[in-house]
Amino acid sequence: MASDETRQFCCFLLDDMLFGIDVGDVQEVLRDQHRTRVPLASPMVHGLINLRGQIVTVLDLRHCLKLPSLTDERRPAHVIVRTRDEPMSFLVDEIGDVLSVRESDFVPAPETLSGVAVDLICGTYKLEQRLILVLNTQQIADHAVAGRSQKQA
């Protein structure tokens, strides 16, 4: 890609860090919805929601990224993403803006990342005051499915 090309990201906060998902992967964003818990589900599966007749799995991004749980007084929001198999909801602390960034500002994830972050964070974009950590939505979905498979074994 030429350095003057731009990409757009749906941004949100998790534990005061700014994350982004390519807008092409985002179906919609919602306020907190009633979630139905699923017995024996992986800890990253935070339940199911009914989205206009479609059952959608809710993933707790804080758990996926090994962040502390959200306090009870804060209500999370949902980022509904399209994955290869089915839409999924990612629980986030707060929805941000859709930001356009220059492709030339992309920095791949550092080799010093370890654990699950290596697979889930693609890299960063430099903004004036902070960084956008770019998430790989398909890897997060695959990680959740792998967690389901381990629970069923």
C-alpha atoms as a PDB file:
ATOM      1  CA  MET A   1       0.000   0.000   0.000  1.00  0.00           C
ATOM      2  CA  ALA A   2       1.099   3.542  -0.630  1.00  0.00           C
ATOM      3  CA  SER A   3       1.892   5.535   2.481  1.00  0.00           C
ATOM      4  CA  ASP A   4      -0.899   8.060   1.829  1.00  0.00           C
ATOM      5  CA  GLU A   5      -3.652   5.424   1.947  1.00  0.00           C
ATOM      6  CA  THR A   6      -5.864   5.387   5.002  1.00  0.00           C
ATOM      7  CA  ARG A   7      -7.765   2.784   6.997  1.00  0.00           C
ATOM      8  CA  GLN A   8     -10.687   3.241   9.330  1.00  0.00           C
ATOM      9  CA  PHE A   9     -11.039   1.629  12.736  1.00  0.00           C
ATOM     10  CA  CYS A  10     -13.936   1.347  15.144  1.00  0.00           C
ATOM     11  CA  CYS A  11     -12.216   2.326  18.383  1.00  0.00           C
ATOM     12  CA  PHE A  12     -13.069   1.499  21.971  1.00  0.00           C
ATOM     13  CA  LEU A  13     -11.554   1.552  25.428  1.00  0.00           C
ATOM     14  CA  LEU A  14     -10.517  -1.374  27.586  1.00  0.00           C
ATOM     15  CA  ASP A  15      -8.828  -0.536  30.880  1.00  0.00           C
ATOM     16  CA  ASP A  16      -7.965   2.977  29.552  1.00  0.00           C
ATOM     17  CA  MET A  17      -6.204   1.526  26.500  1.00  0.00           C
ATOM     18  CA  LEU A  18      -7.435   2.418  23.014  1.00  0.00           C
ATOM     19  CA  PHE A  19      -8.158  -0.572  20.783  1.00  0.00           C
ATOM     20  CA  GLY A  20      -9.360  -0.679  17.206  1.00  0.00           C
ATOM     21  CA  ILE A  21     -11.076  -3.098  14.876  1.00  0.00           C
ATOM     22  CA  ASP A  22     -11.169  -2.570  11.129  1.00  0.00           C
ATOM     23  CA  VAL A  23     -14.573  -1.057  10.308  1.00  0.00           C
ATOM     24  CA  GLY A  24     -15.073  -3.717   7.646  1.00  0.00           C
ATOM     25  CA  ASP A  25     -15.216  -6.328  10.406  1.00  0.00           C
ATOM     26  CA  VAL A  26     -17.782  -4.426  12.493  1.00  0.00           C
ATOM     27  CA  GLN A  27     -21.488  -5.107  12.006  1.00  0.00           C
ATOM     28  CA  GLU A  28     -22.732  -2.649  14.656  1.00  0.00           C
ATOM     29  CA  VAL A  29     -22.184  -1.313  18.158  1.00  0.00           C
ATOM     30  CA  LEU A  30     -24.738  -1.552  20.969  1.00  0.00           C
ATOM     31  CA  ARG A  31     -25.248  -0.479  24.542  1.00  0.00           C
ATOM     32  CA  ASP A  32     -25.226  -3.232  27.118  1.00  0.00           C
ATOM     33  CA  GLN A  33     -27.771  -5.940  26.355  1.00  0.00           C
ATOM     34  CA  HIS A  34     -29.311  -8.603  28.553  1.00  0.00           C
ATOM     35  CA  ARG A  35     -26.950 -11.583  28.443  1.00  0.00           C
ATOM     36  CA  THR A  36     -27.947 -15.157  29.129  1.00  0.00           C
ATOM     37  CA  ARG A  37     -25.184 -17.043  30.916  1.00  0.00           C
ATOM     38  CA  VAL A  38     -24.099 -20.384  29.487  1.00  0.00           C
ATOM     39  CA  PRO A  39     -23.336 -23.119  32.045  1.00  0.00           C
ATOM     40  CA  LEU A  40     -19.877 -24.689  31.743  1.00  0.00           C
ATOM     41  CA  ALA A  41     -18.817 -22.167  29.073  1.00  0.00           C
ATOM     42  CA  SER A  42     -15.248 -20.970  28.807  1.00  0.00           C
ATOM     43  CA  PRO A  43     -14.589 -17.980  31.117  1.00  0.00           C
ATOM     44  CA  MET A  44     -14.091 -15.770  28.065  1.00  0.00           C
ATOM     45  CA  VAL A  45     -17.680 -16.503  26.915  1.00  0.00           C
ATOM     46  CA  HIS A  46     -19.759 -14.003  28.828  1.00  0.00           C
ATOM     47  CA  GLY A  47     -23.106 -15.337  27.617  1.00  0.00           C
ATOM     48  CA  LEU A  48     -25.435 -15.019  24.662  1.00  0.00           C
ATOM     49  CA  ILE A  49     -27.576 -12.160  23.370  1.00  0.00           C
ATOM     50  CA  ASN A  50     -30.578 -12.191  21.079  1.00  0.00           C
ATOM     51  CA  LEU A  51     -29.829  -9.764  18.250  1.00  0.00           C
ATOM     52  CA  ARG A  52     -33.072  -9.377  16.293  1.00  0.00           C
ATOM     53  CA  GLY A  53     -33.697 -13.128  16.372  1.00  0.00           C
ATOM     54  CA  GLN A  54     -30.082 -14.191  15.886  1.00  0.00           C
ATOM     55  CA  ILE A  55     -28.256 -15.726  18.862  1.00  0.00           C
ATOM     56  CA  VAL A  56     -24.822 -14.123  19.234  1.00  0.00           C
ATOM     57  CA  THR A  57     -21.995 -15.287  21.511  1.00  0.00           C
ATOM     58  CA  VAL A  58     -20.639 -12.565  23.803  1.00  0.00           C
ATOM     59  CA  LEU A  59     -16.882 -12.615  24.426  1.00  0.00           C
ATOM     60  CA  ASP A  60     -15.287 -10.756  27.309  1.00  0.00           C
ATOM     61  CA  LEU A  61     -12.306  -8.994  25.707  1.00  0.00           C
ATOM     62  CA  ARG A  62     -10.936  -8.155  29.143  1.00  0.00           C
ATOM     63  CA  HIS A  63     -10.673 -11.866  29.907  1.00  0.00           C
ATOM     64  CA  CYS A  64      -9.212 -12.648  26.457  1.00  0.00           C
ATOM     65  CA  LEU A  65      -6.487 -10.035  26.990  1.00  0.00           C
ATOM     66  CA  LYS A  66      -5.844 -10.986  30.630  1.00  0.00           C
ATOM     67  CA  LEU A  67      -7.086  -7.628  31.970  1.00  0.00           C
ATOM     68  CA  PRO A  68      -8.884  -7.210  35.319  1.00  0.00           C
ATOM     69  CA  SER A  69     -12.672  -7.606  35.277  1.00  0.00           C
ATOM     70  CA  LEU A  70     -14.848  -4.561  34.735  1.00  0.00           C
ATOM     71  CA  THR A  71     -16.292  -3.162  37.953  1.00  0.00           C
ATOM     72  CA  ASP A  72     -20.006  -3.726  38.509  1.00  0.00           C
ATOM     73  CA  GLU A  73     -20.909  -0.026  38.390  1.00  0.00           C
ATOM     74  CA  ARG A  74     -19.746   0.288  34.769  1.00  0.00           C
ATOM     75  CA  ARG A  75     -21.963  -1.129  32.052  1.00  0.00           C
ATOM     76  CA  PRO A  76     -20.056  -2.532  29.069  1.00  0.00           C
ATOM     77  CA  ALA A  77     -20.938  -1.980  25.428  1.00  0.00           C
ATOM     78  CA  HIS A  78     -21.003  -4.499  22.588  1.00  0.00           C
ATOM     79  CA  VAL A  79     -19.058  -4.394  19.345  1.00  0.00           C
ATOM     80  CA  ILE A  80     -20.720  -6.917  17.037  1.00  0.00           C
ATOM     81  CA  VAL A  81     -18.093  -8.246  14.641  1.00  0.00           C
ATOM     82  CA  ARG A  82     -18.305 -10.440  11.580  1.00  0.00           C
ATOM     83  CA  THR A  83     -16.149 -13.546  11.767  1.00  0.00           C
ATOM     84  CA  ARG A  84     -15.647 -16.417   9.353  1.00  0.00           C
ATOM     85  CA  ASP A  85     -18.273 -18.583  11.090  1.00  0.00           C
ATOM     86  CA  GLU A  86     -20.753 -16.294  12.830  1.00  0.00           C
ATOM     87  CA  PRO A  87     -21.128 -12.814  14.252  1.00  0.00           C
ATOM     88  CA  MET A  88     -19.789 -12.390  17.786  1.00  0.00           C
ATOM     89  CA  SER A  89     -20.133  -9.664  20.359  1.00  0.00           C
ATOM     90  CA  PHE A  90     -17.024  -8.257  22.003  1.00  0.00           C
ATOM     91  CA  LEU A  91     -17.679  -6.669  25.394  1.00  0.00           C
ATOM     92  CA  VAL A  92     -15.811  -3.361  25.708  1.00  0.00           C
ATOM     93  CA  ASP A  93     -15.667  -0.688  28.415  1.00  0.00           C
ATOM     94  CA  GLU A  94     -16.625   2.246  26.225  1.00  0.00           C
ATOM     95  CA  ILE A  95     -17.234   2.859  22.528  1.00  0.00           C
ATOM     96  CA  GLY A  96     -14.990   5.467  20.942  1.00  0.00           C
ATOM     97  CA  ASP A  97     -14.953   7.072  17.530  1.00  0.00           C
ATOM     98  CA  VAL A  98     -14.303   5.735  14.068  1.00  0.00           C
ATOM     99  CA  LEU A  99     -10.808   6.955  13.316  1.00  0.00           C
ATOM    100  CA  SER A 100      -9.024   7.230   9.993  1.00  0.00           C
ATOM    101  CA  VAL A 101      -5.314   6.530  10.144  1.00  0.00           C
ATOM    102  CA  ARG A 102      -2.557   6.652   7.565  1.00  0.00           C
ATOM    103  CA  GLU A 103      -1.223   3.251   6.590  1.00  0.00           C
ATOM    104  CA  SER A 104       2.289   4.679   6.923  1.00  0.00           C
ATOM    105  CA  ASP A 105       1.679   5.105  10.688  1.00  0.00           C
ATOM    106  CA  PHE A 106       1.250   1.340  11.212  1.00  0.00           C
ATOM    107  CA  VAL A 107       3.821  -0.395  13.402  1.00  0.00           C
ATOM    108  CA  PRO A 108       3.702  -4.224  13.575  1.00  0.00           C
ATOM    109  CA  ALA A 109       3.328  -5.808  16.995  1.00  0.00           C
ATOM    110  CA  PRO A 110       6.727  -5.921  18.706  1.00  0.00           C
ATOM    111  CA  GLU A 111       8.451  -9.262  18.989  1.00  0.00           C
ATOM    112  CA  THR A 112       8.606  -8.711  22.747  1.00  0.00           C
ATOM    113  CA  LEU A 113       4.871  -9.386  23.077  1.00  0.00           C
ATOM    114  CA  SER A 114       4.185 -12.706  24.689  1.00  0.00           C
ATOM    115  CA  GLY A 115       1.283 -14.941  25.590  1.00  0.00           C
ATOM    116  CA  VAL A 116      -2.082 -14.522  23.956  1.00  0.00           C
ATOM    117  CA  ALA A 117      -1.329 -10.907  22.940  1.00  0.00           C
ATOM    118  CA  VAL A 118       0.994 -12.187  20.204  1.00  0.00           C
ATOM    119  CA  ASP A 119      -1.962 -13.681  18.333  1.00  0.00           C
ATOM    120  CA  LEU A 120      -4.634 -11.132  19.192  1.00  0.00           C
ATOM    121  CA  ILE A 121      -2.843  -7.817  18.585  1.00  0.00           C
ATOM    122  CA  CYS A 122      -1.776  -7.179  14.973  1.00  0.00           C
ATOM    123  CA  GLY A 123       0.102  -3.977  15.664  1.00  0.00           C
ATOM    124  CA  THR A 124      -0.434  -0.315  16.433  1.00  0.00           C
ATOM    125  CA  TYR A 125      -1.138   2.998  14.778  1.00  0.00           C
ATOM    126  CA  LYS A 126       0.487   6.118  16.137  1.00  0.00           C
ATOM    127  CA  LEU A 127      -1.834   8.993  16.926  1.00  0.00           C
ATOM    128  CA  GLU A 128      -0.742  12.394  18.265  1.00  0.00           C
ATOM    129  CA  GLN A 129      -1.466  11.574  21.918  1.00  0.00           C
ATOM    130  CA  ARG A 130      -1.677   7.773  22.059  1.00  0.00           C
ATOM    131  CA  LEU A 131      -1.612   4.467  20.197  1.00  0.00           C
ATOM    132  CA  ILE A 132      -4.421   2.363  18.743  1.00  0.00           C
ATOM    133  CA  LEU A 133      -3.841  -1.326  19.479  1.00  0.00           C
ATOM    134  CA  VAL A 134      -5.292  -3.181  16.497  1.00  0.00           C
ATOM    135  CA  LEU A 135      -7.096  -6.435  17.251  1.00  0.00           C
ATOM    136  CA  ASN A 136      -7.354  -9.434  14.951  1.00  0.00           C
ATOM    137  CA  THR A 137     -11.058 -10.305  15.248  1.00  0.00           C
ATOM    138  CA  GLN A 138     -10.749 -13.721  13.607  1.00  0.00           C
ATOM    139  CA  GLN A 139      -7.951 -14.740  15.973  1.00  0.00           C
ATOM    140  CA  ILE A 140     -10.084 -13.697  18.947  1.00  0.00           C
ATOM    141  CA  ALA A 141     -12.995 -15.770  17.610  1.00  0.00           C
ATOM    142  CA  ASP A 142     -10.683 -18.732  16.989  1.00  0.00           C
ATOM    143  CA  HIS A 143      -9.258 -18.345  20.508  1.00  0.00           C
ATOM    144  CA  ALA A 144     -12.798 -18.478  21.929  1.00  0.00           C
ATOM    145  CA  VAL A 145     -13.681 -21.549  19.870  1.00  0.00           C
ATOM    146  CA  ALA A 146     -10.476 -23.268  21.041  1.00  0.00           C
ATOM    147  CA  GLY A 147     -11.513 -22.455  24.607  1.00  0.00           C
ATOM    148  CA  ARG A 148     -14.915 -24.047  23.965  1.00  0.00           C
ATOM    149  CA  SER A 149     -13.276 -27.175  22.565  1.00  0.00           C
ATOM    150  CA  GLN A 150     -11.024 -27.507  25.625  1.00  0.00           C
ATOM    151  CA  LYS A 151     -14.059 -27.231  27.943  1.00  0.00           C
ATOM    152  CA  GLN A 152     -15.896 -29.971  26.018  1.00  0.00           C
ATOM    153  CA  ALA A 153     -12.947 -32.382  26.143  1.00  0.00           C
END
